[in-house]
C-alpha cells in the first residue's frame, strides 16, 4: 500500500475591476473600504459567497485604487490518494504487477479561485474545482 496526503492553504489572488477606469489599458484595482472584512464570515461562506462585495468600492474615472496585489486568499485544498499493488511471479525473472490507484479517495470537494472581477455578475462566487472528484484506475505491469 502507498498513500499521499496533500493539504495546503489557498492561493492568493487580486480583486480587479471589470472595466478599467484609469484608461491605461490595464486592469484596475478597486479601493478598499476601511474597517470592512473582504471575506464573508465563516458561518456564511460558501461557493456562492466567498468575497464580501461591500469591502470594495468603485473608482472615479481616470483614477487607480488602493487595493493591494494578491491581497486575498482563496479556499484551501486537501486530498488523499492511495494505491494498492500485488506482485505475482510468472517465471524466474518475470513478475506481473496488478495495481489499483485511487485519487481523492475521500471525494473531498476542493473549490477553485473565486471570481475576482468586481462589477461582474458573478463577483465573489466560485464556479470551478481545483481537483477532480474520486478517480479510480487499475493497471497491469509486466516486470522482466
Protein backbone atom coordinates (compact mmCIF):
# COMPACT_ATOMS: atom_id res chain seq x y z
CA UNK A 1 0.00 0.00 0.00
CA UNK A 2 1.07 3.55 -0.72
CA UNK A 3 -0.52 6.80 0.32
CA UNK A 4 -0.18 10.52 -0.22
CA UNK A 5 -1.89 13.19 1.86
CA UNK A 6 -1.86 16.72 0.46
CA UNK A 7 -3.05 19.75 2.43
CA UNK A 8 -2.35 23.35 1.54
CA UNK A 9 -3.68 26.80 2.15
CA UNK A 10 -5.41 28.70 -0.63
CA UNK A 11 -3.72 30.60 -3.42
CA UNK A 12 -3.51 34.41 -3.28
CA UNK A 13 -5.47 36.43 -5.81
CA UNK A 14 -6.17 40.06 -6.66
CA UNK A 15 -9.55 41.79 -6.92
CA UNK A 16 -9.78 43.79 -10.16
CA UNK A 17 -12.47 45.98 -11.64
CA UNK A 18 -14.50 44.50 -14.51
CA UNK A 19 -13.73 47.59 -16.59
CA UNK A 20 -10.65 49.81 -16.42
CA UNK A 21 -11.37 53.28 -15.05
CA UNK A 22 -7.79 54.55 -15.22
CA UNK A 23 -7.87 54.50 -19.06
CA UNK A 24 -4.39 52.98 -19.11
CA UNK A 25 -5.25 49.77 -20.96
CA UNK A 26 -4.67 47.59 -17.90
CA UNK A 27 -6.90 46.08 -15.26
CA UNK A 28 -7.51 48.41 -12.34
CA UNK A 29 -7.68 47.53 -8.65
CA UNK A 30 -10.59 48.99 -6.65
CA UNK A 31 -10.47 50.95 -3.41
CA UNK A 32 -10.65 49.04 -0.13
CA UNK A 33 -13.33 50.16 2.33
CA UNK A 34 -11.64 50.68 5.71
CA UNK A 35 -12.87 48.52 8.56
CA UNK A 36 -14.81 46.05 6.37
CA UNK A 37 -13.57 42.47 6.03
CA UNK A 38 -13.09 41.35 2.41
CA UNK A 39 -14.25 37.85 3.35
CA UNK A 40 -17.77 36.68 4.05
CA UNK A 41 -17.99 35.49 7.72
CA UNK A 42 -17.03 31.82 8.24
CA UNK A 43 -20.55 30.63 9.03
CA UNK A 44 -21.93 32.19 5.83
CA UNK A 45 -19.01 31.47 3.48
CA UNK A 46 -19.81 29.14 0.58
CA UNK A 47 -19.06 28.73 -3.11
CA UNK A 48 -21.93 31.14 -3.81
CA UNK A 49 -20.47 33.82 -1.48
CA UNK A 50 -16.72 33.90 -0.83
CA UNK A 51 -15.83 37.60 -1.16
CA UNK A 52 -17.69 40.44 0.58
CA UNK A 53 -18.51 42.98 -2.17
CA UNK A 54 -19.11 45.71 0.47
CA UNK A 55 -15.35 45.69 1.22
CA UNK A 56 -14.54 47.30 -2.14
CA UNK A 57 -15.69 50.48 -3.82
CA UNK A 58 -15.67 51.60 -7.44
CA UNK A 59 -13.41 54.40 -8.60
CA UNK A 60 -13.89 57.79 -10.14
CA UNK A 61 -12.85 57.95 -13.82
CA UNK A 62 -9.10 58.19 -14.52
CA UNK A 63 -8.05 57.11 -11.02
CA UNK A 64 -6.46 53.99 -9.59
CA UNK A 65 -7.45 52.13 -6.43
CA UNK A 66 -5.62 51.35 -3.22
CA UNK A 67 -6.28 47.58 -3.06
CA UNK A 68 -3.10 45.55 -2.90
CA UNK A 69 -1.90 42.83 -5.25
CA UNK A 70 -2.67 39.26 -4.12
CA UNK A 71 -4.37 40.64 -1.03
CA UNK A 72 -6.95 37.83 -0.70
CA UNK A 73 -6.51 34.10 -0.19
CA UNK A 74 -8.71 31.53 -1.95
CA UNK A 75 -10.01 28.32 -0.41
CA UNK A 76 -7.53 25.70 0.79
CA UNK A 77 -7.16 22.23 -0.63
CA UNK A 78 -6.87 18.76 0.86
CA UNK A 79 -6.70 15.42 -0.90
CA UNK A 80 -5.84 11.81 -0.06
CA UNK A 81 -4.51 9.45 -2.76
CA UNK A 82 -3.62 5.80 -2.26
CA UNK A 83 -2.62 2.74 -4.24
CA UNK A 84 -2.58 -0.98 -3.66
CA UNK A 85 -0.36 -3.33 -5.62
CA UNK A 86 0.27 -7.08 -5.78
CA UNK A 87 3.24 -8.78 -7.44
CA UNK A 88 2.86 -12.30 -8.81
CA UNK A 89 5.82 -14.37 -10.04
CA UNK A 90 5.31 -15.75 -13.56
CA UNK A 91 8.80 -17.14 -14.22
CA UNK A 92 12.16 -16.84 -12.52
CA UNK A 93 12.83 -13.25 -13.69
CA UNK A 94 9.31 -12.24 -14.73
CA UNK A 95 6.68 -10.67 -12.48
CA UNK A 96 3.18 -9.42 -13.13
CA UNK A 97 2.10 -6.48 -11.03
CA UNK A 98 -1.58 -5.60 -10.51
CA UNK A 99 -2.19 -2.02 -9.37
CA UNK A 100 -5.26 -0.24 -8.07
CA UNK A 101 -4.85 3.54 -7.73
CA UNK A 102 -7.38 5.82 -6.05
CA UNK A 103 -7.18 9.60 -6.37
CA UNK A 104 -9.13 11.88 -3.99
CA UNK A 105 -10.25 8.82 -2.02
CA UNK A 106 -12.42 10.84 0.36
CA UNK A 107 -14.09 12.58 -2.61
CA UNK A 108 -13.46 15.96 -0.96
CA UNK A 109 -14.60 18.97 -2.99
CA UNK A 110 -11.73 21.45 -3.43
CA UNK A 111 -13.01 24.78 -4.69
CA UNK A 112 -11.12 26.84 -7.26
CA UNK A 113 -10.31 30.55 -7.03
CA UNK A 114 -13.31 32.89 -6.71
CA UNK A 115 -14.37 35.25 -9.49
CA UNK A 116 -12.42 38.38 -8.55
CA UNK A 117 -13.78 40.74 -11.20
CA UNK A 118 -15.63 43.47 -9.25
CA UNK A 119 -18.62 44.68 -11.23
CA UNK A 120 -19.26 41.37 -12.99
CA UNK A 121 -22.41 39.39 -12.25
CA UNK A 122 -20.55 36.51 -10.60
CA UNK A 123 -18.22 38.52 -8.36
CA UNK A 124 -17.21 36.58 -5.26
CA UNK A 125 -18.61 33.24 -6.41
CA UNK A 126 -16.69 30.04 -7.08
CA UNK A 127 -17.65 28.07 -10.18
CA UNK A 128 -14.66 25.76 -10.58
CA UNK A 129 -13.00 22.90 -8.72
CA UNK A 130 -9.25 22.81 -8.09
CA UNK A 131 -9.15 19.00 -8.22
CA UNK A 132 -11.20 16.25 -9.78
CA UNK A 133 -13.67 14.09 -7.85
CA UNK A 134 -12.79 10.50 -6.90
CA UNK A 135 -10.96 8.70 -9.70
CA UNK A 136 -10.04 5.02 -9.76
CA UNK A 137 -7.70 3.28 -12.19
CA UNK A 138 -6.44 -0.26 -12.46
CA UNK A 139 -3.38 -1.47 -14.30
CA UNK A 140 -1.17 -4.45 -15.08
CA UNK A 141 2.58 -4.14 -15.34
CA UNK A 142 4.98 -6.78 -16.64
CA UNK A 143 8.39 -6.65 -14.95
CA UNK A 144 11.19 -8.59 -16.63
